[in-house]
N, C-alpha and C. Protein backbone atom coordinates (compact mmCIF):
# COMPACT_ATOMS: atom_id res chain seq x y z
N MET A 1 6.38 9.59 4.72
CA MET A 1 5.03 9.04 4.25
C MET A 1 5.28 8.16 3.10
N HIS A 2 6.06 8.53 2.38
CA HIS A 2 6.49 7.75 1.24
C HIS A 2 6.99 6.25 1.36
N ASP A 3 7.69 6.44 2.89
CA ASP A 3 8.36 5.12 2.95
C ASP A 3 6.94 4.01 3.63
N THR A 4 6.07 4.80 4.38
CA THR A 4 5.05 3.88 5.02
C THR A 4 4.28 3.45 3.44
N ALA A 5 4.38 4.50 2.49
CA ALA A 5 3.28 3.61 1.47
C ALA A 5 3.91 2.36 0.66
N ASP A 6 5.69 2.57 0.26
CA ASP A 6 6.28 1.75 -0.27
C ASP A 6 5.90 0.28 0.65
N GLN A 7 6.06 0.95 1.82
CA GLN A 7 6.06 -0.46 3.36
C GLN A 7 5.13 -1.80 2.75
N LEU A 8 3.92 -0.69 2.98
CA LEU A 8 2.57 -0.97 2.42
C LEU A 8 1.98 -1.76 1.34
N GLU A 9 3.19 -0.86 0.11
CA GLU A 9 2.86 -1.74 -1.29
C GLU A 9 3.69 -3.30 -0.69
N ILE A 10 4.72 -2.95 -0.28
CA ILE A 10 5.72 -4.68 0.17
C ILE A 10 4.48 -5.74 0.13
N THR A 11 3.45 -5.36 2.07
CA THR A 11 2.51 -5.88 2.41
C THR A 11 1.83 -6.45 1.32
N GLU A 12 1.14 -5.41 0.44
CA GLU A 12 0.49 -5.78 -0.22
C GLU A 12 1.23 -7.74 -1.04
N ALA A 13 1.89 -6.92 -1.54
CA ALA A 13 2.36 -7.92 -2.79
C ALA A 13 2.52 -9.23 -2.19
N MET A 14 2.89 -10.00 -0.50
CA MET A 14 2.89 -10.63 0.08
C MET A 14 1.55 -10.83 0.72
N LEU A 15 0.28 -10.44 0.67
CA LEU A 15 -1.04 -10.65 0.54
C LEU A 15 -1.12 -11.22 -0.81
N HIS A 16 -1.25 -10.59 -1.74
CA HIS A 16 -1.49 -11.03 -2.87
C HIS A 16 -0.92 -12.63 -2.81
N ARG A 17 0.48 -13.02 -2.27
CA ARG A 17 1.42 -14.07 -2.83
C ARG A 17 0.98 -15.52 -2.24
N SER A 18 0.25 -14.36 -0.77
CA SER A 18 -0.40 -15.58 -0.11
C SER A 18 -1.75 -16.30 -0.24
N ALA A 19 -2.26 -15.44 -0.77
CA ALA A 19 -3.65 -15.56 -1.70
C ALA A 19 -3.34 -16.80 -2.81
N GLU A 20 -2.38 -16.74 -3.78
CA GLU A 20 -2.11 -17.55 -4.54
C GLU A 20 -1.53 -18.68 -4.08
N GLU A 21 -1.52 -18.74 -2.83
CA GLU A 21 -0.78 -20.60 -2.38
C GLU A 21 -1.91 -21.04 -1.23
N SER A 22 -2.99 -20.31 -1.43
CA SER A 22 -4.04 -20.70 -0.32
C SER A 22 -4.76 -21.53 -1.03
N PRO A 23 -4.96 -23.02 -0.80
CA PRO A 23 -5.89 -24.30 -1.23
C PRO A 23 -7.42 -23.36 -1.39
N ASP A 24 -7.55 -22.65 0.26
CA ASP A 24 -9.27 -22.30 -0.21
C ASP A 24 -9.60 -21.33 -0.75
N PRO A 25 -10.92 -21.90 -0.80
CA PRO A 25 -11.00 -20.12 -2.15
C PRO A 25 -11.66 -19.45 -0.88
N ALA A 26 -12.13 -19.53 0.36
CA ALA A 26 -12.78 -18.39 0.76
C ALA A 26 -11.82 -17.48 1.22
N THR A 27 -10.36 -18.65 1.71
CA THR A 27 -9.66 -18.06 2.29
C THR A 27 -8.24 -16.38 1.37
N ARG A 28 -8.63 -17.49 0.22
CA ARG A 28 -7.85 -16.65 -1.12
C ARG A 28 -8.58 -15.12 -1.46
N ALA A 29 -9.68 -15.39 -1.30
CA ALA A 29 -10.75 -14.43 -1.55
C ALA A 29 -10.71 -13.05 -0.62
N ARG A 30 -10.52 -13.31 1.00
CA ARG A 30 -10.51 -12.68 2.07
C ARG A 30 -8.77 -11.95 1.58
N LEU A 31 -7.64 -12.96 1.18
CA LEU A 31 -6.95 -12.39 1.35
C LEU A 31 -6.20 -11.09 -0.21
N HIS A 32 -6.85 -11.66 -1.38
CA HIS A 32 -6.51 -10.42 -2.01
C HIS A 32 -7.32 -9.31 -1.66
N ALA A 33 -8.36 -9.24 -1.05
CA ALA A 33 -9.51 -8.04 -0.88
C ALA A 33 -8.88 -7.24 0.16
N LEU A 34 -8.15 -8.10 1.05
CA LEU A 34 -7.12 -7.40 1.90
C LEU A 34 -6.23 -6.61 1.42
N GLY A 35 -5.49 -7.35 0.29
CA GLY A 35 -4.53 -7.00 -0.61
C GLY A 35 -5.00 -5.05 -1.44
N ASP A 36 -5.60 -5.61 -1.27
CA ASP A 36 -6.94 -4.71 -1.92
C ASP A 36 -7.24 -3.15 -1.60
N ARG A 37 -7.29 -3.48 -0.50
CA ARG A 37 -7.69 -2.67 0.41
C ARG A 37 -6.54 -1.77 0.68
N VAL A 38 -5.17 -2.76 1.68
CA VAL A 38 -3.92 -2.21 1.47
C VAL A 38 -3.24 -1.40 0.67
N THR A 39 -3.69 -1.37 -0.78
CA THR A 39 -3.25 -1.06 -1.91
C THR A 39 -3.75 -0.13 -1.86
N ALA A 40 -4.96 0.41 -1.72
CA ALA A 40 -5.80 1.72 -1.62
C ALA A 40 -5.20 2.10 -0.99
N ARG A 41 -5.07 1.94 0.72
CA ARG A 41 -4.79 2.64 1.29
C ARG A 41 -2.86 3.22 0.82
N ALA A 42 -1.99 2.32 0.61
CA ALA A 42 -0.71 3.14 0.48
C ALA A 42 -1.06 4.19 -1.01
N LYS A 43 -2.00 3.68 -1.52
CA LYS A 43 -1.53 5.36 -2.46
C LYS A 43 -2.69 6.75 -2.57
N GLU A 44 -3.55 6.36 -1.87
CA GLU A 44 -3.85 7.54 -0.49
C GLU A 44 -2.58 8.03 0.31
N ILE A 45 -2.11 6.99 0.59
CA ILE A 45 -1.02 7.86 1.69
C ILE A 45 -0.05 8.46 0.58
N GLY A 46 0.69 7.47 -0.22
CA GLY A 46 1.20 8.16 -1.20
C GLY A 46 1.16 9.69 -2.02
N ARG A 47 -0.35 9.76 -2.03
CA ARG A 47 -0.62 10.98 -2.82
C ARG A 47 -0.38 12.47 -1.54
N ARG A 48 -1.23 11.63 -0.81
CA ARG A 48 -0.58 13.07 0.57
C ARG A 48 0.02 13.49 0.59
N ALA A 49 1.20 12.90 0.57
CA ALA A 49 2.70 12.26 0.95
C ALA A 49 2.83 13.72 -0.20
N ASP A 50 2.90 13.19 -1.37
CA ASP A 50 3.30 14.57 -2.32
C ASP A 50 2.58 15.57 -2.68
N ARG A 51 1.45 16.03 -1.85
CA ARG A 51 0.92 17.25 -1.65
C ARG A 51 1.42 17.82 -0.56
N LEU A 52 2.26 17.29 0.51
CA LEU A 52 2.79 17.84 1.13
C LEU A 52 4.42 18.14 0.96
N VAL A 53 4.58 17.55 -0.07
CA VAL A 53 6.26 18.03 -0.03
C VAL A 53 5.75 18.84 -1.24
N ARG A 54 4.91 19.39 -2.10
CA ARG A 54 4.92 20.41 -2.84
C ARG A 54 4.14 21.15 -2.70
N ARG A 55 3.74 21.52 -1.07
CA ARG A 55 3.42 22.25 -0.53
C ARG A 55 4.69 23.09 0.22
N ALA A 56 5.53 22.30 0.78
CA ALA A 56 6.73 22.62 2.03
C ALA A 56 7.77 23.46 1.42
N PRO A 57 8.21 24.38 1.64
CA PRO A 57 8.51 25.61 1.51
C PRO A 57 10.10 24.71 1.06
N ASP A 58 10.94 25.47 1.29
CA ASP A 58 12.18 25.44 -0.11
C ASP A 58 12.69 25.78 0.94
N THR A 59 13.59 25.23 1.90
CA THR A 59 14.43 25.82 2.94
C THR A 59 15.79 25.62 2.59
N THR A 60 16.57 25.10 1.80
CA THR A 60 17.65 25.23 1.14
C THR A 60 18.09 27.04 1.30
N ILE A 61 19.92 26.28 1.37
CA ILE A 61 20.18 27.71 1.09
C ILE A 61 21.00 27.98 -0.29
C-alpha cells in the first residue's frame, strides 16, 4: 500500500507540473484540482497502510 501511495504522489506531481505548463486556464484549474484529489487519496492510503503495519503481528524469529 505504501508503494501505491508513493506512485500516486508521483502522479500528483506530474499533474501539477502539466497544469503549470497548460496555456488554458480552465485546463490548468482542472489539472490542479485532480492533482489535489490524487494527493488526498495518496495520503489516505498511506495512513491506512501505516495502521495496518502497526496492527500486524511480529512474525520474525
